[in-house]
All heavy atoms as atom14 arrays in JSON, in Angstrom:
{
  "sequence": "TYRQTVLTALQEVEDNLILAAQLQQEAQLQRESLEAAQRTLEITL",
  "atom14_mask": [
    [1, 1, 1, 1, 1, 1, 1, 0, 0, 0, 0, 0, 0, 0],
    [1, 1, 1, 1, 1, 1, 1, 1, 1, 1, 1, 1, 0, 0],
    [1, 1, 1, 1, 1, 1, 1, 1, 1, 1, 1, 0, 0, 0],
    [1, 1, 1, 1, 1, 1, 1, 1, 1, 0, 0, 0, 0, 0],
    [1, 1, 1, 1, 1, 1, 1, 0, 0, 0, 0, 0, 0, 0],
    [1, 1, 1, 1, 1, 1, 1, 0, 0, 0, 0, 0, 0, 0],
    [1, 1, 1, 1, 1, 1, 1, 1, 0, 0, 0, 0, 0, 0],
    [1, 1, 1, 1, 1, 1, 1, 0, 0, 0, 0, 0, 0, 0],
    [1, 1, 1, 1, 1, 0, 0, 0, 0, 0, 0, 0, 0, 0],
    [1, 1, 1, 1, 1, 1, 1, 1, 0, 0, 0, 0, 0, 0],
    [1, 1, 1, 1, 1, 1, 1, 1, 1, 0, 0, 0, 0, 0],
    [1, 1, 1, 1, 1, 1, 1, 1, 1, 0, 0, 0, 0, 0],
    [1, 1, 1, 1, 1, 1, 1, 0, 0, 0, 0, 0, 0, 0],
    [1, 1, 1, 1, 1, 1, 1, 1, 1, 0, 0, 0, 0, 0],
    [1, 1, 1, 1, 1, 1, 1, 1, 0, 0, 0, 0, 0, 0],
    [1, 1, 1, 1, 1, 1, 1, 1, 0, 0, 0, 0, 0, 0],
    [1, 1, 1, 1, 1, 1, 1, 1, 0, 0, 0, 0, 0, 0],
    [1, 1, 1, 1, 1, 1, 1, 1, 0, 0, 0, 0, 0, 0],
    [1, 1, 1, 1, 1, 1, 1, 1, 0, 0, 0, 0, 0, 0],
    [1, 1, 1, 1, 1, 0, 0, 0, 0, 0, 0, 0, 0, 0],
    [1, 1, 1, 1, 1, 0, 0, 0, 0, 0, 0, 0, 0, 0],
    [1, 1, 1, 1, 1, 1, 1, 1, 1, 0, 0, 0, 0, 0],
    [1, 1, 1, 1, 1, 1, 1, 1, 0, 0, 0, 0, 0, 0],
    [1, 1, 1, 1, 1, 1, 1, 1, 1, 0, 0, 0, 0, 0],
    [1, 1, 1, 1, 1, 1, 1, 1, 1, 0, 0, 0, 0, 0],
    [1, 1, 1, 1, 1, 1, 1, 1, 1, 0, 0, 0, 0, 0],
    [1, 1, 1, 1, 1, 0, 0, 0, 0, 0, 0, 0, 0, 0],
    [1, 1, 1, 1, 1, 1, 1, 1, 1, 0, 0, 0, 0, 0],
    [1, 1, 1, 1, 1, 1, 1, 1, 0, 0, 0, 0, 0, 0],
    [1, 1, 1, 1, 1, 1, 1, 1, 1, 0, 0, 0, 0, 0],
    [1, 1, 1, 1, 1, 1, 1, 1, 1, 1, 1, 0, 0, 0],
    [1, 1, 1, 1, 1, 1, 1, 1, 1, 0, 0, 0, 0, 0],
    [1, 1, 1, 1, 1, 1, 0, 0, 0, 0, 0, 0, 0, 0],
    [1, 1, 1, 1, 1, 1, 1, 1, 0, 0, 0, 0, 0, 0],
    [1, 1, 1, 1, 1, 1, 1, 1, 1, 0, 0, 0, 0, 0],
    [1, 1, 1, 1, 1, 0, 0, 0, 0, 0, 0, 0, 0, 0],
    [1, 1, 1, 1, 1, 0, 0, 0, 0, 0, 0, 0, 0, 0],
    [1, 1, 1, 1, 1, 1, 1, 1, 1, 0, 0, 0, 0, 0],
    [1, 1, 1, 1, 1, 1, 1, 1, 1, 1, 1, 0, 0, 0],
    [1, 1, 1, 1, 1, 1, 1, 0, 0, 0, 0, 0, 0, 0],
    [1, 1, 1, 1, 1, 1, 1, 1, 0, 0, 0, 0, 0, 0],
    [1, 1, 1, 1, 1, 1, 1, 1, 1, 0, 0, 0, 0, 0],
    [1, 1, 1, 1, 1, 1, 1, 1, 0, 0, 0, 0, 0, 0],
    [1, 1, 1, 1, 1, 1, 1, 0, 0, 0, 0, 0, 0, 0],
    [1, 1, 1, 1, 1, 1, 1, 1, 0, 0, 0, 0, 0, 0]
  ],
  "atom14_positions": [
    [[-23.12, 21.96, 3.24], [-21.67, 21.98, 3.08], [-20.97, 21.46, 4.32], [-19.98, 20.71, 4.24], [-21.2, 23.41, 2.76], [-21.84, 23.86, 1.56], [-19.69, 23.45, 2.58], [0.0, 0.0, 0.0], [0.0, 0.0, 0.0], [0.0, 0.0, 0.0], [0.0, 0.0, 0.0], [0.0, 0.0, 0.0], [0.0, 0.0, 0.0], [0.0, 0.0, 0.0]],
    [[-21.47, 21.85, 5.49], [-20.89, 21.37, 6.75], [-21.0, 19.86, 6.87], [-20.03, 19.17, 7.2], [-21.6, 22.07, 7.91], [-21.38, 21.42, 9.24], [-20.12, 21.34, 9.83], [-22.46, 20.86, 9.94], [-19.93, 20.73, 11.06], [-22.27, 20.26, 11.17], [-21.01, 20.2, 11.72], [-20.83, 19.59, 12.94], [0.0, 0.0, 0.0], [0.0, 0.0, 0.0]],
    [[-22.17, 19.32, 6.58], [-22.36, 17.87, 6.7], [-21.5, 17.13, 5.69], [-20.95, 16.06, 5.99], [-23.84, 17.54, 6.51], [-24.71, 18.03, 7.68], [-26.18, 17.89, 7.39], [-26.99, 18.3, 8.54], [-28.3, 18.51, 8.5], [-28.95, 18.33, 7.35], [-28.95, 18.89, 9.59], [0.0, 0.0, 0.0], [0.0, 0.0, 0.0], [0.0, 0.0, 0.0]],
    [[-21.37, 17.69, 4.47], [-20.52, 17.05, 3.47], [-19.06, 17.09, 3.9], [-18.29, 16.15, 3.65], [-20.7, 17.74, 2.12], [-19.91, 17.11, 0.99], [-20.29, 15.66, 0.74], [-21.48, 15.32, 0.72], [-19.31, 14.8, 0.56], [0.0, 0.0, 0.0], [0.0, 0.0, 0.0], [0.0, 0.0, 0.0], [0.0, 0.0, 0.0], [0.0, 0.0, 0.0]],
    [[-18.64, 18.18, 4.55], [-17.27, 18.28, 5.04], [-16.99, 17.2, 6.07], [-15.91, 16.59, 6.09], [-17.03, 19.67, 5.64], [-17.29, 20.67, 4.66], [-15.59, 19.81, 6.12], [0.0, 0.0, 0.0], [0.0, 0.0, 0.0], [0.0, 0.0, 0.0], [0.0, 0.0, 0.0], [0.0, 0.0, 0.0], [0.0, 0.0, 0.0], [0.0, 0.0, 0.0]],
    [[-17.97, 16.95, 6.95], [-17.8, 15.89, 7.95], [-17.69, 14.53, 7.27], [-16.82, 13.71, 7.63], [-18.98, 15.91, 8.94], [-18.91, 14.71, 9.89], [-18.98, 17.2, 9.74], [0.0, 0.0, 0.0], [0.0, 0.0, 0.0], [0.0, 0.0, 0.0], [0.0, 0.0, 0.0], [0.0, 0.0, 0.0], [0.0, 0.0, 0.0], [0.0, 0.0, 0.0]],
    [[-18.55, 14.28, 6.29], [-18.5, 12.99, 5.59], [-17.17, 12.81, 4.85], [-16.58, 11.72, 4.86], [-19.66, 12.88, 4.61], [-21.07, 12.77, 5.21], [-22.12, 12.81, 4.12], [-21.2, 11.51, 6.04], [0.0, 0.0, 0.0], [0.0, 0.0, 0.0], [0.0, 0.0, 0.0], [0.0, 0.0, 0.0], [0.0, 0.0, 0.0], [0.0, 0.0, 0.0]],
    [[-16.7, 13.88, 4.21], [-15.43, 13.8, 3.51], [-14.28, 13.54, 4.48], [-13.35, 12.78, 4.17], [-15.18, 15.1, 2.74], [-16.27, 15.33, 1.82], [-13.88, 15.04, 1.95], [0.0, 0.0, 0.0], [0.0, 0.0, 0.0], [0.0, 0.0, 0.0], [0.0, 0.0, 0.0], [0.0, 0.0, 0.0], [0.0, 0.0, 0.0], [0.0, 0.0, 0.0]],
    [[-14.33, 14.17, 5.66], [-13.29, 13.94, 6.67], [-13.31, 12.49, 7.14], [-12.25, 11.87, 7.31], [-13.5, 14.89, 7.85], [0.0, 0.0, 0.0], [0.0, 0.0, 0.0], [0.0, 0.0, 0.0], [0.0, 0.0, 0.0], [0.0, 0.0, 0.0], [0.0, 0.0, 0.0], [0.0, 0.0, 0.0], [0.0, 0.0, 0.0], [0.0, 0.0, 0.0]],
    [[-14.5, 11.94, 7.34], [-14.6, 10.54, 7.74], [-14.03, 9.63, 6.66], [-13.3, 8.67, 6.96], [-16.06, 10.18, 8.02], [-16.69, 10.77, 9.28], [-18.19, 10.51, 9.3], [-16.03, 10.18, 10.53], [0.0, 0.0, 0.0], [0.0, 0.0, 0.0], [0.0, 0.0, 0.0], [0.0, 0.0, 0.0], [0.0, 0.0, 0.0], [0.0, 0.0, 0.0]],
    [[-14.35, 9.92, 5.4], [-13.83, 9.11, 4.31], [-12.31, 9.19, 4.25], [-11.63, 8.18, 4.04], [-14.42, 9.58, 2.98], [-13.88, 8.8, 1.77], [-14.34, 9.39, 0.45], [-15.03, 10.4, 0.43], [-13.93, 8.78, -0.64], [0.0, 0.0, 0.0], [0.0, 0.0, 0.0], [0.0, 0.0, 0.0], [0.0, 0.0, 0.0], [0.0, 0.0, 0.0]],
    [[-11.76, 10.41, 4.44], [-10.31, 10.58, 4.38], [-9.61, 9.75, 5.45], [-8.6, 9.1, 5.18], [-9.96, 12.06, 4.55], [-8.48, 12.36, 4.37], [-8.17, 13.82, 4.53], [-8.32, 14.33, 5.66], [-7.78, 14.47, 3.54], [0.0, 0.0, 0.0], [0.0, 0.0, 0.0], [0.0, 0.0, 0.0], [0.0, 0.0, 0.0], [0.0, 0.0, 0.0]],
    [[-10.15, 9.77, 6.66], [-9.54, 9.0, 7.74], [-9.68, 7.51, 7.48], [-8.73, 6.73, 7.66], [-10.16, 9.39, 9.09], [-9.62, 8.49, 10.2], [-9.85, 10.84, 9.41], [0.0, 0.0, 0.0], [0.0, 0.0, 0.0], [0.0, 0.0, 0.0], [0.0, 0.0, 0.0], [0.0, 0.0, 0.0], [0.0, 0.0, 0.0], [0.0, 0.0, 0.0]],
    [[-10.87, 7.08, 7.06], [-11.09, 5.66, 6.78], [-10.14, 5.17, 5.67], [-9.55, 4.09, 5.77], [-12.54, 5.41, 6.38], [-13.58, 5.69, 7.46], [-13.68, 4.57, 8.47], [-12.82, 3.66, 8.45], [-14.61, 4.59, 9.29], [0.0, 0.0, 0.0], [0.0, 0.0, 0.0], [0.0, 0.0, 0.0], [0.0, 0.0, 0.0], [0.0, 0.0, 0.0]],
    [[-10.02, 5.99, 4.61], [-9.14, 5.61, 3.49], [-7.71, 5.43, 3.95], [-7.04, 4.43, 3.61], [-9.21, 6.66, 2.38], [-10.54, 6.66, 1.66], [-11.32, 5.7, 1.86], [-10.81, 7.63, 0.92], [0.0, 0.0, 0.0], [0.0, 0.0, 0.0], [0.0, 0.0, 0.0], [0.0, 0.0, 0.0], [0.0, 0.0, 0.0], [0.0, 0.0, 0.0]],
    [[-7.23, 6.39, 4.71], [-5.82, 6.34, 5.12], [-5.58, 5.35, 6.25], [-4.45, 4.89, 6.43], [-5.35, 7.74, 5.51], [-5.23, 8.65, 4.31], [-4.3, 8.54, 3.53], [-6.2, 9.53, 4.13], [0.0, 0.0, 0.0], [0.0, 0.0, 0.0], [0.0, 0.0, 0.0], [0.0, 0.0, 0.0], [0.0, 0.0, 0.0], [0.0, 0.0, 0.0]],
    [[-6.62, 5.01, 7.0], [-6.48, 3.93, 7.98], [-6.17, 2.61, 7.28], [-5.23, 1.89, 7.66], [-7.77, 3.79, 8.8], [-7.93, 4.68, 10.03], [-9.32, 4.49, 10.63], [-6.86, 4.37, 11.06], [0.0, 0.0, 0.0], [0.0, 0.0, 0.0], [0.0, 0.0, 0.0], [0.0, 0.0, 0.0], [0.0, 0.0, 0.0], [0.0, 0.0, 0.0]],
    [[-6.95, 2.3, 6.25], [-6.75, 1.04, 5.55], [-5.46, 1.08, 4.74], [-4.73, 0.08, 4.66], [-7.97, 0.72, 4.64], [-7.86, -0.67, 4.06], [-8.14, 1.76, 3.56], [-7.97, -1.77, 5.08], [0.0, 0.0, 0.0], [0.0, 0.0, 0.0], [0.0, 0.0, 0.0], [0.0, 0.0, 0.0], [0.0, 0.0, 0.0], [0.0, 0.0, 0.0]],
    [[-5.12, 2.25, 4.15], [-3.89, 2.35, 3.37], [-2.66, 2.21, 4.24], [-1.71, 1.5, 3.88], [-3.87, 3.68, 2.62], [-4.78, 3.81, 1.4], [-4.74, 5.21, 0.84], [-4.4, 2.8, 0.33], [0.0, 0.0, 0.0], [0.0, 0.0, 0.0], [0.0, 0.0, 0.0], [0.0, 0.0, 0.0], [0.0, 0.0, 0.0], [0.0, 0.0, 0.0]],
    [[-2.66, 2.88, 5.39], [-1.48, 2.82, 6.26], [-1.2, 1.4, 6.72], [-0.04, 1.0, 6.88], [-1.66, 3.74, 7.46], [0.0, 0.0, 0.0], [0.0, 0.0, 0.0], [0.0, 0.0, 0.0], [0.0, 0.0, 0.0], [0.0, 0.0, 0.0], [0.0, 0.0, 0.0], [0.0, 0.0, 0.0], [0.0, 0.0, 0.0], [0.0, 0.0, 0.0]],
    [[-2.26, 0.65, 6.94], [-2.08, -0.72, 7.42], [-1.71, -1.68, 6.29], [-0.78, -2.48, 6.41], [-3.35, -1.2, 8.11], [0.0, 0.0, 0.0], [0.0, 0.0, 0.0], [0.0, 0.0, 0.0], [0.0, 0.0, 0.0], [0.0, 0.0, 0.0], [0.0, 0.0, 0.0], [0.0, 0.0, 0.0], [0.0, 0.0, 0.0], [0.0, 0.0, 0.0]],
    [[-2.42, -1.58, 5.17], [-2.22, -2.53, 4.09], [-0.96, -2.24, 3.28], [-0.3, -3.17, 2.79], [-3.44, -2.54, 3.17], [-4.72, -3.0, 3.84], [-4.59, -4.41, 4.4], [-4.0, -5.3, 3.77], [-5.15, -4.63, 5.59], [0.0, 0.0, 0.0], [0.0, 0.0, 0.0], [0.0, 0.0, 0.0], [0.0, 0.0, 0.0], [0.0, 0.0, 0.0]],
    [[-0.6, -0.97, 3.14], [0.59, -0.66, 2.35], [1.86, -1.12, 3.04], [2.86, -1.41, 2.37], [0.65, 0.85, 2.07], [-0.37, 1.36, 1.04], [-0.29, 2.87, 0.93], [-0.12, 0.72, -0.32], [0.0, 0.0, 0.0], [0.0, 0.0, 0.0], [0.0, 0.0, 0.0], [0.0, 0.0, 0.0], [0.0, 0.0, 0.0], [0.0, 0.0, 0.0]],
    [[1.85, -1.16, 4.35], [3.01, -1.7, 5.05], [3.21, -3.17, 4.7], [4.33, -3.61, 4.43], [2.84, -1.52, 6.56], [4.03, -1.99, 7.38], [3.84, -1.73, 8.86], [2.78, -1.27, 9.3], [4.86, -2.02, 9.65], [0.0, 0.0, 0.0], [0.0, 0.0, 0.0], [0.0, 0.0, 0.0], [0.0, 0.0, 0.0], [0.0, 0.0, 0.0]],
    [[2.12, -3.92, 4.69], [2.2, -5.32, 4.3], [2.53, -5.45, 2.81], [3.33, -6.31, 2.41], [0.88, -6.01, 4.6], [0.85, -7.49, 4.23], [-0.5, -8.12, 4.56], [-1.42, -7.47, 5.06], [-0.64, -9.4, 4.25], [0.0, 0.0, 0.0], [0.0, 0.0, 0.0], [0.0, 0.0, 0.0], [0.0, 0.0, 0.0], [0.0, 0.0, 0.0]],
    [[1.95, -4.58, 1.99], [2.22, -4.63, 0.55], [3.69, -4.32, 0.26], [4.3, -4.95, -0.62], [1.33, -3.62, -0.17], [1.49, -3.62, -1.68], [0.57, -2.63, -2.36], [-0.43, -2.22, -1.74], [0.85, -2.26, -3.51], [0.0, 0.0, 0.0], [0.0, 0.0, 0.0], [0.0, 0.0, 0.0], [0.0, 0.0, 0.0], [0.0, 0.0, 0.0]],
    [[4.28, -3.38, 0.99], [5.69, -3.05, 0.78], [6.58, -4.25, 1.09], [7.56, -4.51, 0.38], [6.08, -1.85, 1.63], [0.0, 0.0, 0.0], [0.0, 0.0, 0.0], [0.0, 0.0, 0.0], [0.0, 0.0, 0.0], [0.0, 0.0, 0.0], [0.0, 0.0, 0.0], [0.0, 0.0, 0.0], [0.0, 0.0, 0.0], [0.0, 0.0, 0.0]],
    [[6.25, -4.99, 2.14], [7.04, -6.17, 2.48], [6.93, -7.22, 1.38], [7.94, -7.85, 0.99], [6.56, -6.74, 3.82], [7.32, -7.97, 4.27], [8.82, -7.73, 4.42], [9.24, -6.65, 4.81], [9.63, -8.74, 4.1], [0.0, 0.0, 0.0], [0.0, 0.0, 0.0], [0.0, 0.0, 0.0], [0.0, 0.0, 0.0], [0.0, 0.0, 0.0]],
    [[5.74, -7.4, 0.83], [5.56, -8.37, -0.26], [6.3, -7.91, -1.51], [6.87, -8.74, -2.24], [4.07, -8.54, -0.56], [3.23, -9.19, 0.57], [1.75, -9.17, 0.2], [3.71, -10.61, 0.83], [0.0, 0.0, 0.0], [0.0, 0.0, 0.0], [0.0, 0.0, 0.0], [0.0, 0.0, 0.0], [0.0, 0.0, 0.0], [0.0, 0.0, 0.0]],
    [[6.32, -6.6, -1.75], [7.05, -6.09, -2.91], [8.55, -6.31, -2.75], [9.25, -6.6, -3.73], [6.76, -4.6, -3.09], [5.35, -4.27, -3.57], [5.16, -4.58, -5.05], [6.09, -5.04, -5.74], [3.95, -4.37, -5.53], [0.0, 0.0, 0.0], [0.0, 0.0, 0.0], [0.0, 0.0, 0.0], [0.0, 0.0, 0.0], [0.0, 0.0, 0.0]],
    [[9.07, -6.2, -1.54], [10.5, -6.47, -1.31], [10.83, -7.93, -1.61], [11.84, -8.24, -2.24], [10.87, -6.13, 0.13], [10.83, -4.64, 0.47], [11.39, -4.38, 1.85], [11.2, -3.0, 2.25], [10.16, -2.54, 2.94], [9.22, -3.39, 3.33], [10.07, -1.27, 3.25], [0.0, 0.0, 0.0], [0.0, 0.0, 0.0], [0.0, 0.0, 0.0]],
    [[9.96, -8.81, -1.15], [10.18, -10.22, -1.42], [10.1, -10.51, -2.91], [10.87, -11.32, -3.46], [9.17, -11.06, -0.65], [9.31, -10.93, 0.88], [8.2, -11.65, 1.62], [7.32, -12.25, 0.95], [8.19, -11.61, 2.87], [0.0, 0.0, 0.0], [0.0, 0.0, 0.0], [0.0, 0.0, 0.0], [0.0, 0.0, 0.0], [0.0, 0.0, 0.0]],
    [[9.15, -9.85, -3.58], [9.02, -10.02, -5.04], [10.25, -9.52, -5.75], [10.74, -10.14, -6.72], [7.77, -9.3, -5.54], [7.69, -9.34, -6.95], [0.0, 0.0, 0.0], [0.0, 0.0, 0.0], [0.0, 0.0, 0.0], [0.0, 0.0, 0.0], [0.0, 0.0, 0.0], [0.0, 0.0, 0.0], [0.0, 0.0, 0.0], [0.0, 0.0, 0.0]],
    [[10.81, -8.38, -5.3], [12.0, -7.82, -5.92], [13.2, -8.76, -5.73], [13.98, -8.97, -6.67], [12.29, -6.44, -5.33], [13.57, -5.76, -5.8], [13.55, -5.57, -7.32], [13.78, -4.43, -5.08], [0.0, 0.0, 0.0], [0.0, 0.0, 0.0], [0.0, 0.0, 0.0], [0.0, 0.0, 0.0], [0.0, 0.0, 0.0], [0.0, 0.0, 0.0]],
    [[13.33, -9.32, -4.55], [14.43, -10.25, -4.31], [14.35, -11.46, -5.24], [15.36, -11.9, -5.8], [14.42, -10.69, -2.85], [14.77, -9.58, -1.87], [14.63, -10.04, -0.43], [14.25, -11.22, -0.22], [14.89, -9.23, 0.49], [0.0, 0.0, 0.0], [0.0, 0.0, 0.0], [0.0, 0.0, 0.0], [0.0, 0.0, 0.0], [0.0, 0.0, 0.0]],
    [[13.13, -11.97, -5.4], [12.95, -13.11, -6.3], [13.24, -12.73, -7.74], [13.86, -13.5, -8.5], [11.53, -13.66, -6.16], [0.0, 0.0, 0.0], [0.0, 0.0, 0.0], [0.0, 0.0, 0.0], [0.0, 0.0, 0.0], [0.0, 0.0, 0.0], [0.0, 0.0, 0.0], [0.0, 0.0, 0.0], [0.0, 0.0, 0.0], [0.0, 0.0, 0.0]],
    [[12.81, -11.53, -8.16], [13.04, -11.1, -9.54], [14.53, -10.89, -9.8], [15.04, -11.25, -10.88], [12.27, -9.81, -9.81], [0.0, 0.0, 0.0], [0.0, 0.0, 0.0], [0.0, 0.0, 0.0], [0.0, 0.0, 0.0], [0.0, 0.0, 0.0], [0.0, 0.0, 0.0], [0.0, 0.0, 0.0], [0.0, 0.0, 0.0], [0.0, 0.0, 0.0]],
    [[15.25, -10.32, -8.85], [16.69, -10.13, -9.02], [17.43, -11.46, -9.07], [18.37, -11.63, -9.86], [17.23, -9.25, -7.89], [16.75, -7.79, -7.95], [17.2, -6.98, -6.76], [17.51, -7.54, -5.69], [17.23, -5.66, -6.91], [0.0, 0.0, 0.0], [0.0, 0.0, 0.0], [0.0, 0.0, 0.0], [0.0, 0.0, 0.0], [0.0, 0.0, 0.0]],
    [[17.0, -12.43, -8.26], [17.63, -13.75, -8.3], [17.35, -14.43, -9.62], [18.24, -15.07, -10.22], [17.11, -14.59, -7.13], [17.68, -15.99, -7.07], [19.19, -15.97, -7.0], [19.76, -17.31, -6.94], [21.01, -17.61, -7.24], [21.85, -16.65, -7.63], [21.45, -18.85, -7.15], [0.0, 0.0, 0.0], [0.0, 0.0, 0.0], [0.0, 0.0, 0.0]],
    [[16.11, -14.29, -10.12], [15.76, -14.87, -11.42], [16.6, -14.26, -12.54], [17.04, -14.96, -13.47], [14.26, -14.65, -11.7], [13.49, -15.26, -10.66], [13.87, -15.23, -13.05], [0.0, 0.0, 0.0], [0.0, 0.0, 0.0], [0.0, 0.0, 0.0], [0.0, 0.0, 0.0], [0.0, 0.0, 0.0], [0.0, 0.0, 0.0], [0.0, 0.0, 0.0]],
    [[16.83, -12.94, -12.46], [17.62, -12.26, -13.48], [19.06, -12.78, -13.48], [19.64, -13.03, -14.55], [17.61, -10.75, -13.23], [18.48, -9.91, -14.17], [18.08, -10.11, -15.62], [18.41, -8.44, -13.77], [0.0, 0.0, 0.0], [0.0, 0.0, 0.0], [0.0, 0.0, 0.0], [0.0, 0.0, 0.0], [0.0, 0.0, 0.0], [0.0, 0.0, 0.0]],
    [[19.63, -12.99, -12.31], [20.99, -13.51, -12.23], [21.09, -14.89, -12.86], [22.01, -15.18, -13.65], [21.45, -13.55, -10.77], [21.58, -12.18, -10.12], [21.9, -12.29, -8.65], [21.98, -13.44, -8.14], [22.04, -11.25, -7.98], [0.0, 0.0, 0.0], [0.0, 0.0, 0.0], [0.0, 0.0, 0.0], [0.0, 0.0, 0.0], [0.0, 0.0, 0.0]],
    [[20.13, -15.74, -12.55], [20.14, -17.1, -13.11], [19.95, -17.07, -14.62], [20.63, -17.79, -15.37], [19.06, -17.96, -12.44], [19.37, -18.12, -10.94], [18.92, -19.32, -13.12], [18.27, -18.84, -10.16], [0.0, 0.0, 0.0], [0.0, 0.0, 0.0], [0.0, 0.0, 0.0], [0.0, 0.0, 0.0], [0.0, 0.0, 0.0], [0.0, 0.0, 0.0]],
    [[19.04, -16.22, -15.09], [18.77, -16.14, -16.53], [19.98, -15.64, -17.3], [20.29, -16.11, -18.41], [17.54, -15.24, -16.78], [16.43, -15.71, -16.02], [17.16, -15.24, -18.25], [0.0, 0.0, 0.0], [0.0, 0.0, 0.0], [0.0, 0.0, 0.0], [0.0, 0.0, 0.0], [0.0, 0.0, 0.0], [0.0, 0.0, 0.0], [0.0, 0.0, 0.0]],
    [[20.67, -14.65, -16.74], [21.88, -14.14, -17.41], [22.95, -15.23, -17.5], [23.63, -15.37, -18.54], [22.42, -12.94, -16.64], [21.67, -11.61, -16.86], [22.2, -10.52, -15.92], [21.8, -11.15, -18.32], [0.0, 0.0, 0.0], [0.0, 0.0, 0.0], [0.0, 0.0, 0.0], [0.0, 0.0, 0.0], [0.0, 0.0, 0.0], [0.0, 0.0, 0.0]]
  ]
}
């Protein structure tokens, strides 16, 4: 149980390391996508 707890802790940190870094970039791309979608909606209307 102790060794599994250590492995789970390592996985948790590794997961959130990659998420914290990549989600920041993903959020910026989503903002750009939203701006393009709103502009497309205005033109289509």
